[in-house]
C-alpha cells in the first residue's frame, strides 16, 4: 500500500503535508477537508519516485527521453499517468510503474508554470 501524502499551494509557496481543519483518520475524509479548506490547490503523492529518488506528486513537471510532461491521475484507468507535451500537442499516457524512474522531476505547475511551454 502506498503512503498517503498531500501538498498544498498557498500564498505563493508549496506546503508539504498540510494540516486540515480536523483530525481526519481516513483518506476520503482528509481529501474532503483539504478540498474545502483555505488552500488554493492541493495535490496528492503518487507513491512513485523519479530517477533521483524524489517523490512525484500530481502536478509535478517531469522530463525524460527528450519529453516534458505533467503527472496526473488517470481516473479511467485508476492510476497515475504523464501528460506529455511534445511539439505543443499534449498526449496523455499512463506509464507502467517500472518506467517512472526514467523521468526526473524538474518542477511543478504551480512554482514553474513556464516549464510546460
C-alpha atoms as a PDB file:
ATOM      1  CA  UNK A   1       0.000   0.000   0.000  1.00  0.00           C
ATOM      2  CA  UNK A   2       1.335   3.425  -0.917  1.00  0.00           C
ATOM      3  CA  UNK A   3       1.890   6.176   1.596  1.00  0.00           C
ATOM      4  CA  UNK A   4      -0.845   8.852   1.535  1.00  0.00           C
ATOM      5  CA  UNK A   5       0.659  12.355   1.451  1.00  0.00           C
ATOM      6  CA  UNK A   6      -0.510  15.717   0.210  1.00  0.00           C
ATOM      7  CA  UNK A   7       0.996  19.083  -0.550  1.00  0.00           C
ATOM      8  CA  UNK A   8      -0.804  22.398  -0.992  1.00  0.00           C
ATOM      9  CA  UNK A   9      -0.139  25.572  -2.955  1.00  0.00           C
ATOM     10  CA  UNK A  10      -0.979  28.547  -0.780  1.00  0.00           C
ATOM     11  CA  UNK A  11       0.034  32.196  -0.953  1.00  0.00           C
ATOM     12  CA  UNK A  12       2.810  31.586  -3.466  1.00  0.00           C
ATOM     13  CA  UNK A  13       4.521  28.699  -1.688  1.00  0.00           C
ATOM     14  CA  UNK A  14       4.280  24.930  -1.532  1.00  0.00           C
ATOM     15  CA  UNK A  15       3.308  23.437   1.829  1.00  0.00           C
ATOM     16  CA  UNK A  16       4.075  19.745   2.304  1.00  0.00           C
ATOM     17  CA  UNK A  17       1.805  17.613   4.498  1.00  0.00           C
ATOM     18  CA  UNK A  18      -0.745  20.403   5.088  1.00  0.00           C
ATOM     19  CA  UNK A  19      -2.908  20.026   8.151  1.00  0.00           C
ATOM     20  CA  UNK A  20      -6.665  20.120   7.527  1.00  0.00           C
ATOM     21  CA  UNK A  21      -9.090  21.722   9.922  1.00  0.00           C
ATOM     22  CA  UNK A  22      -9.869  18.405  11.636  1.00  0.00           C
ATOM     23  CA  UNK A  23      -8.292  15.162  12.824  1.00  0.00           C
ATOM     24  CA  UNK A  24      -9.008  13.001   9.794  1.00  0.00           C
ATOM     25  CA  UNK A  25      -8.487   9.279  10.065  1.00  0.00           C
ATOM     26  CA  UNK A  26      -9.383   8.173   6.540  1.00  0.00           C
ATOM     27  CA  UNK A  27      -8.072   9.271   3.147  1.00  0.00           C
ATOM     28  CA  UNK A  28     -11.521  10.187   1.785  1.00  0.00           C
ATOM     29  CA  UNK A  29     -12.240  12.353   4.821  1.00  0.00           C
ATOM     30  CA  UNK A  30      -8.819  14.037   4.569  1.00  0.00           C
ATOM     31  CA  UNK A  31      -9.350  14.574   0.838  1.00  0.00           C
ATOM     32  CA  UNK A  32     -12.728  16.230   1.522  1.00  0.00           C
ATOM     33  CA  UNK A  33     -11.361  18.569   4.202  1.00  0.00           C
ATOM     34  CA  UNK A  34      -8.356  19.608   2.096  1.00  0.00           C
ATOM     35  CA  UNK A  35     -10.699  20.255  -0.841  1.00  0.00           C
ATOM     36  CA  UNK A  36     -12.851  22.518   1.318  1.00  0.00           C
ATOM     37  CA  UNK A  37     -10.016  24.288   3.117  1.00  0.00           C
ATOM     38  CA  UNK A  38      -8.302  27.623   2.582  1.00  0.00           C
ATOM     39  CA  UNK A  39      -5.644  26.059   0.335  1.00  0.00           C
ATOM     40  CA  UNK A  40      -5.923  27.296  -3.235  1.00  0.00           C
ATOM     41  CA  UNK A  41      -4.734  23.966  -4.696  1.00  0.00           C
ATOM     42  CA  UNK A  42      -3.559  20.664  -3.293  1.00  0.00           C
ATOM     43  CA  UNK A  43      -2.062  17.568  -4.881  1.00  0.00           C
ATOM     44  CA  UNK A  44      -1.504  14.001  -3.757  1.00  0.00           C
ATOM     45  CA  UNK A  45       1.685  11.937  -3.684  1.00  0.00           C
ATOM     46  CA  UNK A  46       1.593   9.312  -6.439  1.00  0.00           C
ATOM     47  CA  UNK A  47       3.531   6.723  -4.458  1.00  0.00           C
ATOM     48  CA  UNK A  48       6.175   6.834  -7.205  1.00  0.00           C
ATOM     49  CA  UNK A  49       9.688   8.277  -7.295  1.00  0.00           C
ATOM     50  CA  UNK A  50      11.742   9.714 -10.137  1.00  0.00           C
ATOM     51  CA  UNK A  51      15.167   8.506 -11.269  1.00  0.00           C
ATOM     52  CA  UNK A  52      16.809  10.502  -8.438  1.00  0.00           C
ATOM     53  CA  UNK A  53      14.531   9.064  -5.752  1.00  0.00           C
ATOM     54  CA  UNK A  54      12.439  12.255  -5.465  1.00  0.00           C
ATOM     55  CA  UNK A  55       8.758  11.764  -4.672  1.00  0.00           C
ATOM     56  CA  UNK A  56       6.382  12.510  -7.561  1.00  0.00           C
ATOM     57  CA  UNK A  57       3.183  14.449  -6.791  1.00  0.00           C
ATOM     58  CA  UNK A  58       0.262  15.256  -9.086  1.00  0.00           C
ATOM     59  CA  UNK A  59       1.167  18.435 -10.966  1.00  0.00           C
ATOM     60  CA  UNK A  60       4.892  17.751 -10.979  1.00  0.00           C
ATOM     61  CA  UNK A  61       6.654  18.515 -14.248  1.00  0.00           C
ATOM     62  CA  UNK A  62       8.739  15.561 -15.403  1.00  0.00           C
ATOM     63  CA  UNK A  63      11.466  15.314 -18.011  1.00  0.00           C
ATOM     64  CA  UNK A  64      12.658  12.161 -19.722  1.00  0.00           C
ATOM     65  CA  UNK A  65      13.665  10.918 -23.169  1.00  0.00           C
ATOM     66  CA  UNK A  66      13.560  14.475 -24.575  1.00  0.00           C
ATOM     67  CA  UNK A  67       9.931  14.809 -23.444  1.00  0.00           C
ATOM     68  CA  UNK A  68       8.387  17.040 -20.815  1.00  0.00           C
ATOM     69  CA  UNK A  69       5.094  16.230 -19.143  1.00  0.00           C
ATOM     70  CA  UNK A  70       2.904  16.644 -16.084  1.00  0.00           C
ATOM     71  CA  UNK A  71       1.971  13.917 -13.606  1.00  0.00           C
ATOM     72  CA  UNK A  72      -1.808  13.431 -13.358  1.00  0.00           C
ATOM     73  CA  UNK A  73      -4.311  10.896 -12.048  1.00  0.00           C
ATOM     74  CA  UNK A  74      -5.964   8.890 -14.833  1.00  0.00           C
ATOM     75  CA  UNK A  75      -9.457   8.296 -13.462  1.00  0.00           C
ATOM     76  CA  UNK A  76     -10.452   5.897 -16.247  1.00  0.00           C
ATOM     77  CA  UNK A  77      -7.519   3.585 -15.573  1.00  0.00           C
ATOM     78  CA  UNK A  78      -7.347   4.219 -11.829  1.00  0.00           C
ATOM     79  CA  UNK A  79      -3.646   5.011 -11.920  1.00  0.00           C
ATOM     80  CA  UNK A  80      -1.218   7.882 -12.425  1.00  0.00           C
ATOM     81  CA  UNK A  81      -0.085   8.988 -15.863  1.00  0.00           C
ATOM     82  CA  UNK A  82       2.060  11.572 -17.587  1.00  0.00           C
ATOM     83  CA  UNK A  83       0.533  14.240 -19.825  1.00  0.00           C
ATOM     84  CA  UNK A  84       3.343  14.671 -22.366  1.00  0.00           C
ATOM     85  CA  UNK A  85       3.789  17.983 -24.124  1.00  0.00           C
ATOM     86  CA  UNK A  86       5.508  17.308 -27.425  1.00  0.00           C
ATOM     87  CA  UNK A  87       5.534  19.896 -30.213  1.00  0.00           C
ATOM     88  CA  UNK A  88       2.711  21.734 -28.404  1.00  0.00           C
ATOM     89  CA  UNK A  89       0.413  18.725 -28.877  1.00  0.00           C
ATOM     90  CA  UNK A  90      -0.409  17.228 -25.481  1.00  0.00           C
ATOM     91  CA  UNK A  91      -0.594  13.456 -25.344  1.00  0.00           C
ATOM     92  CA  UNK A  92      -1.703  11.640 -22.208  1.00  0.00           C
ATOM     93  CA  UNK A  93      -0.405   8.187 -21.427  1.00  0.00           C
ATOM     94  CA  UNK A  94      -0.061   6.016 -18.395  1.00  0.00           C
ATOM     95  CA  UNK A  95       3.488   4.840 -17.861  1.00  0.00           C
ATOM     96  CA  UNK A  96       3.981   1.396 -16.346  1.00  0.00           C
ATOM     97  CA  UNK A  97       5.216   1.670 -12.770  1.00  0.00           C
ATOM     98  CA  UNK A  98       8.636   0.326 -13.708  1.00  0.00           C
ATOM     99  CA  UNK A  99       9.153   3.183 -16.212  1.00  0.00           C
ATOM    100  CA  UNK A 100       8.543   6.155 -13.901  1.00  0.00           C
ATOM    101  CA  UNK A 101      12.156   6.044 -12.761  1.00  0.00           C
ATOM    102  CA  UNK A 102      13.211   7.075 -16.303  1.00  0.00           C
ATOM    103  CA  UNK A 103      11.803  10.551 -15.590  1.00  0.00           C
ATOM    104  CA  UNK A 104      13.136  13.375 -13.443  1.00  0.00           C
ATOM    105  CA  UNK A 105      11.076  15.934 -11.518  1.00  0.00           C
ATOM    106  CA  UNK A 106      12.171  19.373 -12.741  1.00  0.00           C
ATOM    107  CA  UNK A 107       9.485  21.451 -11.012  1.00  0.00           C
ATOM    108  CA  UNK A 108       5.720  21.697 -10.678  1.00  0.00           C
ATOM    109  CA  UNK A 109       2.905  23.549 -12.427  1.00  0.00           C
ATOM    110  CA  UNK A 110       2.465  25.993  -9.532  1.00  0.00           C
ATOM    111  CA  UNK A 111       6.018  27.163  -8.898  1.00  0.00           C
ATOM    112  CA  UNK A 112       7.205  26.708 -12.500  1.00  0.00           C
ATOM    113  CA  UNK A 113       4.224  27.161 -14.875  1.00  0.00           C
ATOM    114  CA  UNK A 114       6.538  28.092 -17.746  1.00  0.00           C
ATOM    115  CA  UNK A 115       8.165  24.632 -17.859  1.00  0.00           C
ATOM    116  CA  UNK A 116       5.343  23.181 -19.965  1.00  0.00           C
ATOM    117  CA  UNK A 117       5.528  25.934 -22.613  1.00  0.00           C
END
